[in-house]
């Protein structure tokens, strides 16, 4: 099962997923992949995004406004090579029958870069469910580009979005 969690930029997709993953882990579900929570400056400006491993809870630098040592650009942010390597590893090492979370598929992946290769490998042979985060403005392109026509889409703004997500996953994981 592939679930696409969608909504506008900064609409709470990552926060919803973080709560859902905590609940699924309480229920005994094996989880893998990653979340990318924002990191903010003291005046609440987004400074970048961390990489949060769902396998072990460790946080790593991922996207920042600093171009030094960057492997790729993602909008106003730069993805550093070590972060990209870790993301690919987290995708590849997700439990085959557990949950894989990929936060998020953006323009870089839709153009063939970023985590696209690792994601395609994972999607081709997984037994467990996968959640992909895709912003609303890229949803149609992602559905076509990654051949996700059979995926279930949840709009983060929908009433009961988190409950629906947990209901769909509970039957698969718990």
Protein backbone atom coordinates (compact mmCIF):
# COMPACT_ATOMS: atom_id res chain seq x y z
CA UNK A 1 0.00 0.00 0.00
CA UNK A 2 1.24 3.45 -0.94
CA UNK A 3 -0.17 6.46 0.84
CA UNK A 4 0.55 9.97 -0.38
CA UNK A 5 0.19 12.63 2.30
CA UNK A 6 -0.34 15.95 0.58
CA UNK A 7 -1.09 19.58 1.34
CA UNK A 8 0.33 23.05 0.80
CA UNK A 9 3.84 24.04 1.91
CA UNK A 10 3.94 24.43 5.73
CA UNK A 11 0.49 22.88 6.22
CA UNK A 12 1.52 20.35 8.90
CA UNK A 13 2.36 17.27 6.84
CA UNK A 14 5.53 16.44 8.78
CA UNK A 15 3.94 17.20 12.16
CA UNK A 16 0.98 14.93 11.39
CA UNK A 17 3.32 12.14 10.32
CA UNK A 18 5.46 12.54 13.41
CA UNK A 19 2.41 12.06 15.66
CA UNK A 20 1.21 9.10 13.58
CA UNK A 21 4.60 7.38 13.71
CA UNK A 22 4.75 7.77 17.50
CA UNK A 23 1.32 6.12 17.75
CA UNK A 24 2.26 3.30 15.36
CA UNK A 25 5.46 2.58 17.29
CA UNK A 26 3.42 2.38 20.51
CA UNK A 27 1.35 -0.29 18.77
CA UNK A 28 4.49 -2.24 17.89
CA UNK A 29 4.88 -1.29 14.22
CA UNK A 30 8.34 -1.46 12.65
CA UNK A 31 9.15 1.87 11.02
CA UNK A 32 11.86 3.17 8.77
CA UNK A 33 12.62 6.10 6.55
CA UNK A 34 12.74 9.68 7.69
CA UNK A 35 11.01 12.94 8.50
CA UNK A 36 12.37 16.40 7.75
CA UNK A 37 11.25 18.75 10.54
CA UNK A 38 12.07 22.42 10.05
CA UNK A 39 14.77 24.13 12.07
CA UNK A 40 14.03 27.74 12.92
CA UNK A 41 16.02 30.81 13.83
CA UNK A 42 15.20 32.75 17.03
CA UNK A 43 12.98 35.08 14.96
CA UNK A 44 11.06 32.02 13.60
CA UNK A 45 12.58 32.04 10.10
CA UNK A 46 13.25 28.61 8.63
CA UNK A 47 17.00 28.06 8.74
CA UNK A 48 16.84 24.61 7.20
CA UNK A 49 15.53 21.10 7.74
CA UNK A 50 16.83 18.30 9.91
CA UNK A 51 16.85 14.66 8.96
CA UNK A 52 15.07 12.57 11.60
CA UNK A 53 15.70 8.84 11.30
CA UNK A 54 12.57 6.86 12.13
CA UNK A 55 14.64 3.76 12.73
CA UNK A 56 16.56 5.10 15.72
CA UNK A 57 15.38 8.68 16.36
CA UNK A 58 18.71 10.29 15.53
CA UNK A 59 18.77 13.77 13.96
CA UNK A 60 21.25 14.95 11.34
CA UNK A 61 21.72 18.15 9.36
CA UNK A 62 20.01 17.86 5.99
CA UNK A 63 19.02 21.08 4.22
CA UNK A 64 20.42 24.50 5.02
CA UNK A 65 20.83 27.92 3.48
CA UNK A 66 24.62 27.41 3.48
CA UNK A 67 25.89 26.39 0.03
CA UNK A 68 29.31 25.15 1.22
CA UNK A 69 29.70 21.46 0.42
CA UNK A 70 26.28 21.23 -1.21
CA UNK A 71 25.46 18.26 -3.43
CA UNK A 72 22.18 19.70 -4.75
CA UNK A 73 19.90 22.69 -4.44
CA UNK A 74 16.29 22.43 -3.30
CA UNK A 75 14.63 25.84 -3.65
CA UNK A 76 16.40 28.28 -1.31
CA UNK A 77 18.11 25.39 0.51
CA UNK A 78 21.13 23.24 -0.18
CA UNK A 79 21.30 19.50 0.35
CA UNK A 80 24.65 18.36 1.55
CA UNK A 81 26.21 15.14 0.32
CA UNK A 82 26.31 13.51 3.76
CA UNK A 83 22.61 14.23 4.26
CA UNK A 84 21.73 12.78 0.86
CA UNK A 85 23.79 9.66 1.60
CA UNK A 86 22.00 9.19 4.94
CA UNK A 87 18.54 9.65 3.36
CA UNK A 88 19.26 7.05 0.71
CA UNK A 89 20.53 4.67 3.41
CA UNK A 90 17.39 5.21 5.52
CA UNK A 91 15.20 4.38 2.53
CA UNK A 92 17.20 1.29 1.62
CA UNK A 93 17.36 -0.02 5.21
CA UNK A 94 13.67 0.40 6.01
CA UNK A 95 12.09 -2.85 7.25
CA UNK A 96 10.69 -4.63 4.18
CA UNK A 97 7.41 -5.50 5.86
CA UNK A 98 7.30 -2.43 8.10
CA UNK A 99 6.46 1.17 7.30
CA UNK A 100 8.65 3.31 5.04
CA UNK A 101 8.20 7.08 5.34
CA UNK A 102 9.75 9.44 2.77
CA UNK A 103 9.35 13.11 3.73
CA UNK A 104 9.27 14.50 1.02
CA UNK A 105 9.23 14.06 -2.74
CA UNK A 106 9.99 17.45 -4.28
CA UNK A 107 11.04 19.02 -7.57
CA UNK A 108 14.53 17.54 -7.26
CA UNK A 109 13.16 13.98 -7.15
CA UNK A 110 10.62 14.64 -9.90
CA UNK A 111 13.53 15.77 -12.09
CA UNK A 112 15.35 12.47 -11.39
CA UNK A 113 17.69 13.67 -8.62
CA UNK A 114 17.78 13.61 -4.85
CA UNK A 115 16.43 10.34 -3.45
CA UNK A 116 14.70 9.29 -6.67
CA UNK A 117 16.94 6.27 -7.34
CA UNK A 118 16.69 4.87 -3.80
CA UNK A 119 12.94 5.49 -3.78
CA UNK A 120 12.36 3.67 -7.08
CA UNK A 121 14.39 0.70 -5.79
CA UNK A 122 12.35 0.59 -2.59
CA UNK A 123 8.99 0.92 -4.32
CA UNK A 124 9.77 -1.88 -6.75
CA UNK A 125 10.03 -4.61 -4.14
CA UNK A 126 8.51 -3.55 -0.83
CA UNK A 127 5.97 -5.67 0.99
CA UNK A 128 5.12 -3.14 3.69
CA UNK A 129 3.25 0.15 3.36
CA UNK A 130 4.94 3.34 2.21
CA UNK A 131 4.02 6.93 3.00
CA UNK A 132 5.25 9.59 0.61
CA UNK A 133 4.91 13.27 1.43
CA UNK A 134 4.20 15.40 -1.63
CA UNK A 135 3.21 19.03 -1.56
CA UNK A 136 -0.12 19.81 -3.16
CA UNK A 137 1.36 21.76 -6.07
CA UNK A 138 3.42 18.71 -7.16
CA UNK A 139 0.85 15.97 -6.52
CA UNK A 140 -0.35 15.41 -10.10
CA UNK A 141 3.21 15.36 -11.42
CA UNK A 142 4.36 12.95 -8.70
CA UNK A 143 1.45 10.57 -9.30
CA UNK A 144 2.36 10.40 -12.98
CA UNK A 145 6.16 10.52 -12.72
CA UNK A 146 6.40 7.78 -10.06
CA UNK A 147 3.42 5.78 -11.39
CA UNK A 148 1.51 6.13 -8.12
CA UNK A 149 -1.95 5.94 -9.67
CA UNK A 150 -2.91 3.14 -7.27
CA UNK A 151 -1.82 5.13 -4.22
CA UNK A 152 -4.24 6.48 -1.64
CA UNK A 153 -4.07 10.26 -1.18
CA UNK A 154 -4.76 12.02 2.11
CA UNK A 155 -4.98 15.81 2.19
CA UNK A 156 -3.51 16.92 5.51
CA UNK A 157 -6.25 19.58 5.77
CA UNK A 158 -9.07 17.01 5.61
CA UNK A 159 -11.02 16.50 8.83
CA UNK A 160 -9.81 13.28 10.39
CA UNK A 161 -6.70 13.01 8.19
CA UNK A 162 -4.58 11.58 11.00
CA UNK A 163 -7.28 9.11 12.07
CA UNK A 164 -7.70 7.96 8.46
CA UNK A 165 -3.96 7.46 8.10
CA UNK A 166 -3.76 5.43 11.31
CA UNK A 167 -6.79 3.36 10.32
CA UNK A 168 -5.31 2.49 6.92
CA UNK A 169 -1.95 1.55 8.45
CA UNK A 170 -3.21 -0.32 11.50
CA UNK A 171 -4.52 -3.17 9.36
CA UNK A 172 -1.19 -3.43 7.55
CA UNK A 173 1.23 -3.07 10.47
CA UNK A 174 -0.32 -3.77 13.85
